[in-house]
Amino acid sequence: MTMGRFTHHSRNPQPDISLSEISFCAWVAQAAANEVLVYHRGFLAVDKDTPLAGLSPQEQRALRCLADAAFRAAEQGLIHLVQERLARDRFAYLAIARPKPASGRATTHVQLLSPA
């Protein structure tokens, strides 16, 4: 299996929250099998729920929504979730697109955005 390329990431200690939940869902809907997307850099469990990351409450809420969308997509068999260690307490969180289901059932942004 061939994975898409990605580069090693900066060692910047600040979490990277540049991807929105909607952008993530759009990527999942159109990604070809084995494409790779880095959806977060940092320490997700800390960044989304504690003040240690230095994120505003709105940024933490957005990050929780993004993480939840990634988990739902994985539960639906649309992506694999993988972590790459960048440094101590810093990771790249990767979504790897799986082949689209052969059932003919189209996965929409609404299905990914709405909680199960």
C-alpha atoms as a PDB file:
ATOM      1  CA  MET A   1       0.000   0.000   0.000  1.00  0.00           C
ATOM      2  CA  THR A   2       1.369   3.387  -0.947  1.00  0.00           C
ATOM      3  CA  MET A   3       0.737   6.327   1.334  1.00  0.00           C
ATOM      4  CA  GLY A   4       0.724   9.935   0.275  1.00  0.00           C
ATOM      5  CA  ARG A   5       3.820  11.906   1.130  1.00  0.00           C
ATOM      6  CA  PHE A   6       4.058  14.285   3.976  1.00  0.00           C
ATOM      7  CA  THR A   7       7.000  16.209   5.299  1.00  0.00           C
ATOM      8  CA  HIS A   8       8.312  16.258   8.820  1.00  0.00           C
ATOM      9  CA  HIS A   9       6.814  19.120  10.682  1.00  0.00           C
ATOM     10  CA  SER A  10       8.229  22.056  12.587  1.00  0.00           C
ATOM     11  CA  ARG A  11       9.092  21.712  16.246  1.00  0.00           C
ATOM     12  CA  ASN A  12       7.000  24.761  17.131  1.00  0.00           C
ATOM     13  CA  PRO A  13       5.506  24.072  20.575  1.00  0.00           C
ATOM     14  CA  GLN A  14       2.241  25.896  19.810  1.00  0.00           C
ATOM     15  CA  PRO A  15      -0.618  23.659  18.627  1.00  0.00           C
ATOM     16  CA  ASP A  16      -1.647  24.000  14.996  1.00  0.00           C
ATOM     17  CA  ILE A  17      -5.409  24.451  14.676  1.00  0.00           C
ATOM     18  CA  SER A  18      -5.574  25.835  11.156  1.00  0.00           C
ATOM     19  CA  LEU A  19      -7.984  23.193   9.788  1.00  0.00           C
ATOM     20  CA  SER A  20     -11.723  23.587  10.359  1.00  0.00           C
ATOM     21  CA  GLU A  21     -14.184  20.756  10.911  1.00  0.00           C
ATOM     22  CA  ILE A  22     -15.935  21.592   7.636  1.00  0.00           C
ATOM     23  CA  SER A  23     -12.666  21.619   5.674  1.00  0.00           C
ATOM     24  CA  PHE A  24     -11.765  18.272   7.202  1.00  0.00           C
ATOM     25  CA  CYS A  25     -15.135  16.758   6.253  1.00  0.00           C
ATOM     26  CA  ALA A  26     -14.806  18.102   2.714  1.00  0.00           C
ATOM     27  CA  TRP A  27     -11.385  16.463   2.448  1.00  0.00           C
ATOM     28  CA  VAL A  28     -12.753  13.131   3.705  1.00  0.00           C
ATOM     29  CA  ALA A  29     -15.591  13.255   1.165  1.00  0.00           C
ATOM     30  CA  GLN A  30     -13.290  13.791  -1.823  1.00  0.00           C
ATOM     31  CA  ALA A  31      -9.998  12.126  -0.778  1.00  0.00           C
ATOM     32  CA  ALA A  32      -8.705   9.253  -2.860  1.00  0.00           C
ATOM     33  CA  ALA A  33      -7.625   6.073  -1.106  1.00  0.00           C
ATOM     34  CA  ASN A  34      -4.312   6.432   0.758  1.00  0.00           C
ATOM     35  CA  GLU A  35      -4.230  10.231   0.672  1.00  0.00           C
ATOM     36  CA  VAL A  36      -2.855  11.675   3.912  1.00  0.00           C
ATOM     37  CA  LEU A  37      -3.980  14.798   5.746  1.00  0.00           C
ATOM     38  CA  VAL A  38      -2.335  16.202   8.875  1.00  0.00           C
ATOM     39  CA  TYR A  39      -5.360  17.496  10.756  1.00  0.00           C
ATOM     40  CA  HIS A  40      -3.584  18.646  13.939  1.00  0.00           C
ATOM     41  CA  ARG A  41      -0.101  19.177  15.323  1.00  0.00           C
ATOM     42  CA  GLY A  42       0.394  19.332  19.074  1.00  0.00           C
ATOM     43  CA  PHE A  43      -0.920  17.122  21.883  1.00  0.00           C
ATOM     44  CA  LEU A  44      -4.588  16.678  21.032  1.00  0.00           C
ATOM     45  CA  ALA A  45      -5.835  15.464  24.427  1.00  0.00           C
ATOM     46  CA  VAL A  46      -4.265  18.465  26.154  1.00  0.00           C
ATOM     47  CA  ASP A  47      -4.888  21.026  23.412  1.00  0.00           C
ATOM     48  CA  LYS A  48      -8.642  20.417  23.189  1.00  0.00           C
ATOM     49  CA  ASP A  49      -9.488  20.266  26.882  1.00  0.00           C
ATOM     50  CA  THR A  50      -7.033  22.149  29.102  1.00  0.00           C
ATOM     51  CA  PRO A  51      -5.752  25.705  29.424  1.00  0.00           C
ATOM     52  CA  LEU A  52      -2.151  24.398  29.208  1.00  0.00           C
ATOM     53  CA  ALA A  53      -2.189  24.716  25.403  1.00  0.00           C
ATOM     54  CA  GLY A  54      -2.861  28.439  25.544  1.00  0.00           C
ATOM     55  CA  LEU A  55      -5.879  28.199  23.242  1.00  0.00           C
ATOM     56  CA  SER A  56      -8.960  30.341  23.646  1.00  0.00           C
ATOM     57  CA  PRO A  57     -12.219  28.590  24.598  1.00  0.00           C
ATOM     58  CA  GLN A  58     -13.435  29.090  20.997  1.00  0.00           C
ATOM     59  CA  GLU A  59     -10.262  27.501  19.590  1.00  0.00           C
ATOM     60  CA  GLN A  60     -10.609  24.569  21.979  1.00  0.00           C
ATOM     61  CA  ARG A  61     -14.255  24.108  20.977  1.00  0.00           C
ATOM     62  CA  ALA A  62     -13.275  24.130  17.289  1.00  0.00           C
ATOM     63  CA  LEU A  63     -10.515  21.606  17.960  1.00  0.00           C
ATOM     64  CA  ARG A  64     -12.925  19.317  19.840  1.00  0.00           C
ATOM     65  CA  CYS A  65     -15.335  19.472  16.874  1.00  0.00           C
ATOM     66  CA  LEU A  66     -12.480  18.624  14.485  1.00  0.00           C
ATOM     67  CA  ALA A  67     -11.320  15.707  16.659  1.00  0.00           C
ATOM     68  CA  ASP A  68     -14.901  14.417  16.957  1.00  0.00           C
ATOM     69  CA  ALA A  69     -15.370  14.602  13.178  1.00  0.00           C
ATOM     70  CA  ALA A  70     -12.127  12.656  12.662  1.00  0.00           C
ATOM     71  CA  PHE A  71     -13.276   9.987  15.122  1.00  0.00           C
ATOM     72  CA  ARG A  72     -16.709   9.693  13.433  1.00  0.00           C
ATOM     73  CA  ALA A  73     -15.065   9.346  10.015  1.00  0.00           C
ATOM     74  CA  ALA A  74     -12.838   6.587  11.381  1.00  0.00           C
ATOM     75  CA  GLU A  75     -15.831   4.834  12.955  1.00  0.00           C
ATOM     76  CA  GLN A  76     -17.582   4.930   9.565  1.00  0.00           C
ATOM     77  CA  GLY A  77     -14.564   3.263   7.946  1.00  0.00           C
ATOM     78  CA  LEU A  78     -13.695   6.282   5.815  1.00  0.00           C
ATOM     79  CA  ILE A  79     -10.225   6.975   7.247  1.00  0.00           C
ATOM     80  CA  HIS A  80      -7.496   5.525   9.425  1.00  0.00           C
ATOM     81  CA  LEU A  81      -6.269   7.698  12.290  1.00  0.00           C
ATOM     82  CA  VAL A  82      -2.519   7.666  12.914  1.00  0.00           C
ATOM     83  CA  GLN A  83      -0.112   9.642  15.076  1.00  0.00           C
ATOM     84  CA  GLU A  84       3.488  10.555  14.294  1.00  0.00           C
ATOM     85  CA  ARG A  85       5.695  11.657  17.189  1.00  0.00           C
ATOM     86  CA  LEU A  86       7.387  14.955  16.352  1.00  0.00           C
ATOM     87  CA  ALA A  87       8.956  15.665  19.736  1.00  0.00           C
ATOM     88  CA  ARG A  88       8.276  14.976  23.387  1.00  0.00           C
ATOM     89  CA  ASP A  89       4.566  15.708  23.980  1.00  0.00           C
ATOM     90  CA  ARG A  90       4.082  16.814  20.341  1.00  0.00           C
ATOM     91  CA  PHE A  91       2.493  14.754  17.594  1.00  0.00           C
ATOM     92  CA  ALA A  92       1.180  15.051  14.056  1.00  0.00           C
ATOM     93  CA  TYR A  93      -2.334  13.612  13.857  1.00  0.00           C
ATOM     94  CA  LEU A  94      -2.892  12.045  10.439  1.00  0.00           C
ATOM     95  CA  ALA A  95      -6.006  10.975   8.618  1.00  0.00           C
ATOM     96  CA  ILE A  96      -5.373   8.408   5.879  1.00  0.00           C
ATOM     97  CA  ALA A  97      -8.227   7.992   3.416  1.00  0.00           C
ATOM     98  CA  ARG A  98      -9.556   4.479   2.969  1.00  0.00           C
ATOM     99  CA  PRO A  99     -11.125   3.232  -0.264  1.00  0.00           C
ATOM    100  CA  LYS A 100     -14.697   4.470  -0.583  1.00  0.00           C
ATOM    101  CA  PRO A 101     -17.389   1.962   0.439  1.00  0.00           C
ATOM    102  CA  ALA A 102     -18.707  -0.151  -2.421  1.00  0.00           C
ATOM    103  CA  SER A 103     -22.236  -0.024  -1.002  1.00  0.00           C
ATOM    104  CA  GLY A 104     -23.137   2.935  -3.183  1.00  0.00           C
ATOM    105  CA  ARG A 105     -24.080   4.894  -0.059  1.00  0.00           C
ATOM    106  CA  ALA A 106     -22.756   8.387  -0.454  1.00  0.00           C
ATOM    107  CA  THR A 107     -21.228   9.882   2.664  1.00  0.00           C
ATOM    108  CA  THR A 108     -22.166  13.514   2.884  1.00  0.00           C
ATOM    109  CA  HIS A 109     -20.704  16.348   4.895  1.00  0.00           C
ATOM    110  CA  VAL A 110     -23.901  16.304   6.968  1.00  0.00           C
ATOM    111  CA  GLN A 111     -23.340  12.653   7.972  1.00  0.00           C
ATOM    112  CA  LEU A 112     -19.809  13.463   9.124  1.00  0.00           C
ATOM    113  CA  LEU A 113     -20.760  16.686  10.867  1.00  0.00           C
ATOM    114  CA  SER A 114     -23.708  15.305  12.819  1.00  0.00           C
ATOM    115  CA  PRO A 115     -22.915  13.268  15.944  1.00  0.00           C
ATOM    116  CA  ALA A 116     -23.798   9.606  15.887  1.00  0.00           C
END
